[in-house]
Amino acid sequence: MKAKEIRDLGVDDIRARLAELERERFNLQFRSATEPLSNPLRLRSIRRDIARLQTVLRQKAMLTEAAR
């Protein structure tokens, strides 16, 4: 997911997608401890998507703070 796509989403949508990715990351990490993953690079892409989501969420929060 690209940052431009994330910026087009609303805050609630970003939080929902963030929670979904956190659950997926947890499940993949848990599975990787017990068995080899079919796509181990998925963990990396999930971590990066989480970071992008958090960054855009923080930027939106800072914009609302500055508007006050």
N, C-alpha and C. Protein backbone atom coordinates (compact mmCIF):
# COMPACT_ATOMS: atom_id res chain seq x y z
N MET A 1 0.85 -1.16 0.00
CA MET A 1 0.00 0.00 0.00
C MET A 1 0.90 1.23 0.00
N LYS A 2 0.63 2.12 -0.92
CA LYS A 2 1.45 3.31 -1.05
C LYS A 2 0.94 4.42 -0.15
N ALA A 3 1.84 5.34 0.20
CA ALA A 3 1.50 6.44 1.10
C ALA A 3 0.40 7.33 0.50
N LYS A 4 0.42 7.49 -0.80
CA LYS A 4 -0.60 8.31 -1.46
C LYS A 4 -1.98 7.69 -1.27
N GLU A 5 -2.07 6.37 -1.40
CA GLU A 5 -3.34 5.68 -1.19
C GLU A 5 -3.81 5.82 0.25
N ILE A 6 -2.86 5.78 1.17
CA ILE A 6 -3.20 5.87 2.59
C ILE A 6 -3.70 7.27 2.92
N ARG A 7 -3.09 8.29 2.32
CA ARG A 7 -3.52 9.68 2.59
C ARG A 7 -4.94 9.94 2.14
N ASP A 8 -5.41 9.19 1.15
CA ASP A 8 -6.78 9.35 0.67
C ASP A 8 -7.80 8.73 1.61
N LEU A 9 -7.36 7.87 2.52
CA LEU A 9 -8.26 7.22 3.46
C LEU A 9 -8.58 8.15 4.63
N GLY A 10 -9.69 7.88 5.29
CA GLY A 10 -10.03 8.61 6.50
C GLY A 10 -9.30 8.04 7.70
N VAL A 11 -9.34 8.75 8.79
CA VAL A 11 -8.63 8.33 10.01
C VAL A 11 -9.17 6.99 10.51
N ASP A 12 -10.49 6.82 10.49
CA ASP A 12 -11.07 5.56 10.96
C ASP A 12 -10.67 4.39 10.06
N ASP A 13 -10.61 4.62 8.77
CA ASP A 13 -10.19 3.57 7.84
C ASP A 13 -8.73 3.20 8.07
N ILE A 14 -7.91 4.19 8.34
CA ILE A 14 -6.48 3.92 8.60
C ILE A 14 -6.34 3.10 9.87
N ARG A 15 -7.08 3.47 10.90
CA ARG A 15 -7.00 2.71 12.16
C ARG A 15 -7.48 1.28 11.99
N ALA A 16 -8.54 1.08 11.20
CA ALA A 16 -9.05 -0.27 10.95
C ALA A 16 -8.03 -1.10 10.19
N ARG A 17 -7.42 -0.51 9.17
CA ARG A 17 -6.40 -1.22 8.39
C ARG A 17 -5.17 -1.52 9.25
N LEU A 18 -4.82 -0.61 10.14
CA LEU A 18 -3.70 -0.80 11.05
C LEU A 18 -3.95 -1.98 11.98
N ALA A 19 -5.15 -2.05 12.54
CA ALA A 19 -5.51 -3.16 13.43
C ALA A 19 -5.49 -4.49 12.68
N GLU A 20 -5.97 -4.47 11.45
CA GLU A 20 -5.99 -5.69 10.64
C GLU A 20 -4.57 -6.19 10.36
N LEU A 21 -3.68 -5.26 10.02
CA LEU A 21 -2.30 -5.65 9.74
C LEU A 21 -1.57 -6.11 11.00
N GLU A 22 -1.86 -5.49 12.13
CA GLU A 22 -1.24 -5.92 13.39
C GLU A 22 -1.63 -7.37 13.71
N ARG A 23 -2.91 -7.70 13.50
CA ARG A 23 -3.37 -9.08 13.74
C ARG A 23 -2.68 -10.05 12.79
N GLU A 24 -2.58 -9.65 11.51
CA GLU A 24 -1.93 -10.52 10.53
C GLU A 24 -0.46 -10.72 10.87
N ARG A 25 0.20 -9.65 11.29
CA ARG A 25 1.62 -9.75 11.68
C ARG A 25 1.80 -10.68 12.87
N PHE A 26 0.92 -10.55 13.86
CA PHE A 26 1.00 -11.43 15.03
C PHE A 26 0.83 -12.88 14.62
N ASN A 27 -0.17 -13.15 13.79
CA ASN A 27 -0.42 -14.53 13.36
C ASN A 27 0.75 -15.09 12.57
N LEU A 28 1.34 -14.29 11.70
CA LEU A 28 2.48 -14.76 10.92
C LEU A 28 3.70 -15.00 11.81
N GLN A 29 3.94 -14.13 12.77
CA GLN A 29 5.08 -14.34 13.67
C GLN A 29 4.88 -15.59 14.50
N PHE A 30 3.66 -15.82 14.93
CA PHE A 30 3.36 -17.01 15.72
C PHE A 30 3.57 -18.26 14.88
N ARG A 31 3.07 -18.24 13.64
CA ARG A 31 3.24 -19.39 12.75
C ARG A 31 4.69 -19.62 12.39
N SER A 32 5.46 -18.53 12.23
CA SER A 32 6.85 -18.69 11.84
C SER A 32 7.68 -19.36 12.94
N ALA A 33 7.22 -19.24 14.16
CA ALA A 33 7.93 -19.90 15.27
C ALA A 33 7.70 -21.40 15.27
N THR A 34 6.61 -21.83 14.69
CA THR A 34 6.28 -23.25 14.73
C THR A 34 6.50 -23.97 13.41
N GLU A 35 6.44 -23.24 12.31
CA GLU A 35 6.61 -23.87 11.00
C GLU A 35 7.18 -22.84 10.03
N PRO A 36 7.82 -23.33 8.97
CA PRO A 36 8.34 -22.37 7.98
C PRO A 36 7.19 -21.71 7.20
N LEU A 37 7.35 -20.43 6.93
CA LEU A 37 6.32 -19.70 6.19
C LEU A 37 6.48 -19.92 4.69
N SER A 38 5.37 -19.91 3.99
CA SER A 38 5.44 -20.06 2.53
C SER A 38 5.99 -18.79 1.88
N ASN A 39 5.71 -17.62 2.51
CA ASN A 39 6.21 -16.35 1.99
C ASN A 39 6.76 -15.52 3.16
N PRO A 40 8.01 -15.75 3.54
CA PRO A 40 8.57 -15.03 4.69
C PRO A 40 8.73 -13.53 4.47
N LEU A 41 8.78 -13.08 3.22
CA LEU A 41 8.91 -11.65 2.94
C LEU A 41 7.62 -10.89 3.22
N ARG A 42 6.53 -11.62 3.42
CA ARG A 42 5.25 -10.97 3.75
C ARG A 42 5.38 -10.23 5.08
N LEU A 43 6.14 -10.78 6.02
CA LEU A 43 6.35 -10.11 7.31
C LEU A 43 6.98 -8.73 7.10
N ARG A 44 7.95 -8.65 6.22
CA ARG A 44 8.62 -7.38 5.96
C ARG A 44 7.65 -6.36 5.36
N SER A 45 6.86 -6.80 4.40
CA SER A 45 5.93 -5.88 3.76
C SER A 45 4.84 -5.42 4.74
N ILE A 46 4.42 -6.31 5.64
CA ILE A 46 3.43 -5.93 6.65
C ILE A 46 4.02 -4.89 7.59
N ARG A 47 5.26 -5.10 8.05
CA ARG A 47 5.90 -4.13 8.94
C ARG A 47 6.01 -2.76 8.27
N ARG A 48 6.35 -2.74 7.01
CA ARG A 48 6.50 -1.48 6.29
C ARG A 48 5.15 -0.79 6.10
N ASP A 49 4.12 -1.59 5.80
CA ASP A 49 2.77 -1.01 5.66
C ASP A 49 2.29 -0.43 6.99
N ILE A 50 2.59 -1.12 8.08
CA ILE A 50 2.22 -0.62 9.41
C ILE A 50 2.93 0.72 9.67
N ALA A 51 4.19 0.79 9.33
CA ALA A 51 4.95 2.03 9.53
C ALA A 51 4.37 3.16 8.69
N ARG A 52 4.01 2.86 7.44
CA ARG A 52 3.41 3.89 6.59
C ARG A 52 2.09 4.38 7.16
N LEU A 53 1.26 3.45 7.61
CA LEU A 53 -0.03 3.82 8.19
C LEU A 53 0.15 4.70 9.42
N GLN A 54 1.09 4.31 10.29
CA GLN A 54 1.33 5.09 11.50
C GLN A 54 1.87 6.47 11.17
N THR A 55 2.71 6.56 10.15
CA THR A 55 3.28 7.84 9.75
C THR A 55 2.19 8.78 9.24
N VAL A 56 1.34 8.28 8.36
CA VAL A 56 0.28 9.12 7.80
C VAL A 56 -0.71 9.50 8.90
N LEU A 57 -1.01 8.58 9.80
CA LEU A 57 -1.91 8.87 10.91
C LEU A 57 -1.33 9.98 11.78
N ARG A 58 -0.05 9.92 12.03
CA ARG A 58 0.63 10.96 12.83
C ARG A 58 0.62 12.30 12.09
N GLN A 59 0.85 12.27 10.79
CA GLN A 59 0.83 13.50 10.01
C GLN A 59 -0.55 14.16 10.06
N LYS A 60 -1.60 13.34 9.95
CA LYS A 60 -2.96 13.87 10.02
C LYS A 60 -3.24 14.46 11.40
N ALA A 61 -2.73 13.80 12.44
CA ALA A 61 -2.92 14.30 13.80
C ALA A 61 -2.19 15.64 13.98
N MET A 62 -1.00 15.75 13.42
CA MET A 62 -0.25 16.99 13.55
C MET A 62 -0.93 18.12 12.78
N LEU A 63 -1.55 17.81 11.64
CA LEU A 63 -2.25 18.82 10.87
C LEU A 63 -3.46 19.35 11.65
N THR A 64 -4.17 18.47 12.32
CA THR A 64 -5.33 18.92 13.10
C THR A 64 -4.88 19.72 14.31
N GLU A 65 -3.73 19.36 14.89
CA GLU A 65 -3.19 20.11 16.02
C GLU A 65 -2.77 21.51 15.56
N ALA A 66 -2.17 21.60 14.39
CA ALA A 66 -1.71 22.89 13.89
C ALA A 66 -2.87 23.78 13.49
N ALA A 67 -3.99 23.18 13.11
CA ALA A 67 -5.16 23.97 12.69
C ALA A 67 -5.88 24.61 13.87
N ARG A 68 -5.61 24.13 15.05
CA ARG A 68 -6.29 24.68 16.24
C ARG A 68 -5.78 26.00 16.63
